[in-house]
Amino acid sequence: MIIDCHECEHYYVTWDKYAPHGCRAMGFKSRQLPSMIVKKTPPGLDCLSFIKKKRKNKSK
């Protein structure tokens, strides 16, 4: 299972057209989602820095 970086507090979109995905926890940018890079790197584990984003309550 690949973790969805879009749901992580550490994920951000960069202005770099060659590396549009970034991870603040790991300190890198890449063309692919950071969780995919982590999964491909030995030992092939899921990202251990994942923290689910807290959603703002839009109802008042």
C-alpha atoms as a PDB file:
ATOM      1  CA  MET A   1       0.000   0.000   0.000  1.00  0.00           C
ATOM      2  CA  ILE A   2       1.333   3.426  -0.940  1.00  0.00           C
ATOM      3  CA  ILE A   3       0.662   6.299   1.446  1.00  0.00           C
ATOM      4  CA  ASP A   4      -1.116   9.281  -0.127  1.00  0.00           C
ATOM      5  CA  CYS A   5       1.203  12.229   0.477  1.00  0.00           C
ATOM      6  CA  HIS A   6      -1.627  14.664  -0.256  1.00  0.00           C
ATOM      7  CA  GLU A   7      -3.092  13.620   3.106  1.00  0.00           C
ATOM      8  CA  CYS A   8       0.167  14.275   5.033  1.00  0.00           C
ATOM      9  CA  GLU A   9       1.106  17.408   7.011  1.00  0.00           C
ATOM     10  CA  HIS A  10       4.677  17.261   5.667  1.00  0.00           C
ATOM     11  CA  TYR A  11       3.718  17.264   1.975  1.00  0.00           C
ATOM     12  CA  TYR A  12       3.924  20.460  -0.084  1.00  0.00           C
ATOM     13  CA  VAL A  13       3.770  21.457  -3.735  1.00  0.00           C
ATOM     14  CA  THR A  14       6.927  23.139  -5.025  1.00  0.00           C
ATOM     15  CA  TRP A  15       7.408  25.674  -7.816  1.00  0.00           C
ATOM     16  CA  ASP A  16      10.049  23.444  -9.414  1.00  0.00           C
ATOM     17  CA  LYS A  17       8.543  22.003 -12.603  1.00  0.00           C
ATOM     18  CA  TYR A  18      11.071  19.141 -12.530  1.00  0.00           C
ATOM     19  CA  ALA A  19      10.397  18.253  -8.884  1.00  0.00           C
ATOM     20  CA  PRO A  20       6.848  19.390  -8.029  1.00  0.00           C
ATOM     21  CA  HIS A  21       6.391  17.259  -4.881  1.00  0.00           C
ATOM     22  CA  GLY A  22       8.139  17.971  -1.596  1.00  0.00           C
ATOM     23  CA  CYS A  23       8.421  16.476   1.873  1.00  0.00           C
ATOM     24  CA  ARG A  24       9.364  18.745   4.773  1.00  0.00           C
ATOM     25  CA  ALA A  25      10.003  15.805   7.128  1.00  0.00           C
ATOM     26  CA  MET A  26      12.536  14.142   4.829  1.00  0.00           C
ATOM     27  CA  GLY A  27      13.837  17.376   3.313  1.00  0.00           C
ATOM     28  CA  PHE A  28      13.614  16.591  -0.397  1.00  0.00           C
ATOM     29  CA  LYS A  29      11.707  17.365  -3.599  1.00  0.00           C
ATOM     30  CA  SER A  30      10.978  14.898  -6.383  1.00  0.00           C
ATOM     31  CA  ARG A  31       9.099  14.259  -9.604  1.00  0.00           C
ATOM     32  CA  GLN A  32       7.141  11.448  -7.921  1.00  0.00           C
ATOM     33  CA  LEU A  33       5.238  11.522  -4.661  1.00  0.00           C
ATOM     34  CA  PRO A  34       7.723  11.290  -1.786  1.00  0.00           C
ATOM     35  CA  SER A  35       6.016   8.160  -0.401  1.00  0.00           C
ATOM     36  CA  MET A  36       6.732   6.359  -3.690  1.00  0.00           C
ATOM     37  CA  ILE A  37      10.422   7.291  -3.466  1.00  0.00           C
ATOM     38  CA  VAL A  38      10.581   6.042   0.144  1.00  0.00           C
ATOM     39  CA  LYS A  39       8.866   2.767  -0.817  1.00  0.00           C
ATOM     40  CA  LYS A  40      11.386   2.169  -3.659  1.00  0.00           C
ATOM     41  CA  THR A  41      14.366   2.827  -1.386  1.00  0.00           C
ATOM     42  CA  PRO A  42      15.649  -0.248   0.497  1.00  0.00           C
ATOM     43  CA  PRO A  43      14.298  -1.733   2.721  1.00  0.00           C
ATOM     44  CA  GLY A  44      11.035  -0.851   0.917  1.00  0.00           C
ATOM     45  CA  LEU A  45       9.037   0.299   3.928  1.00  0.00           C
ATOM     46  CA  ASP A  46       6.120   2.735   3.935  1.00  0.00           C
ATOM     47  CA  CYS A  47       6.909   6.285   5.026  1.00  0.00           C
ATOM     48  CA  LEU A  48       7.387   6.474   8.792  1.00  0.00           C
ATOM     49  CA  SER A  49       6.977  10.283   8.876  1.00  0.00           C
ATOM     50  CA  PHE A  50       3.337  10.299   7.742  1.00  0.00           C
ATOM     51  CA  ILE A  51       1.025  12.450   9.865  1.00  0.00           C
ATOM     52  CA  LYS A  52      -2.558  12.789   8.645  1.00  0.00           C
ATOM     53  CA  LYS A  53      -3.590  16.406   8.020  1.00  0.00           C
ATOM     54  CA  LYS A  54      -6.090  17.917  10.380  1.00  0.00           C
ATOM     55  CA  ARG A  55      -9.086  19.099   8.399  1.00  0.00           C
ATOM     56  CA  LYS A  56     -10.561  22.487   9.165  1.00  0.00           C
ATOM     57  CA  ASN A  57     -14.224  22.422  10.106  1.00  0.00           C
ATOM     58  CA  LYS A  58     -15.979  24.455   7.400  1.00  0.00           C
ATOM     59  CA  SER A  59     -19.415  24.431   9.058  1.00  0.00           C
ATOM     60  CA  LYS A  60     -20.259  27.244  11.446  1.00  0.00           C
END
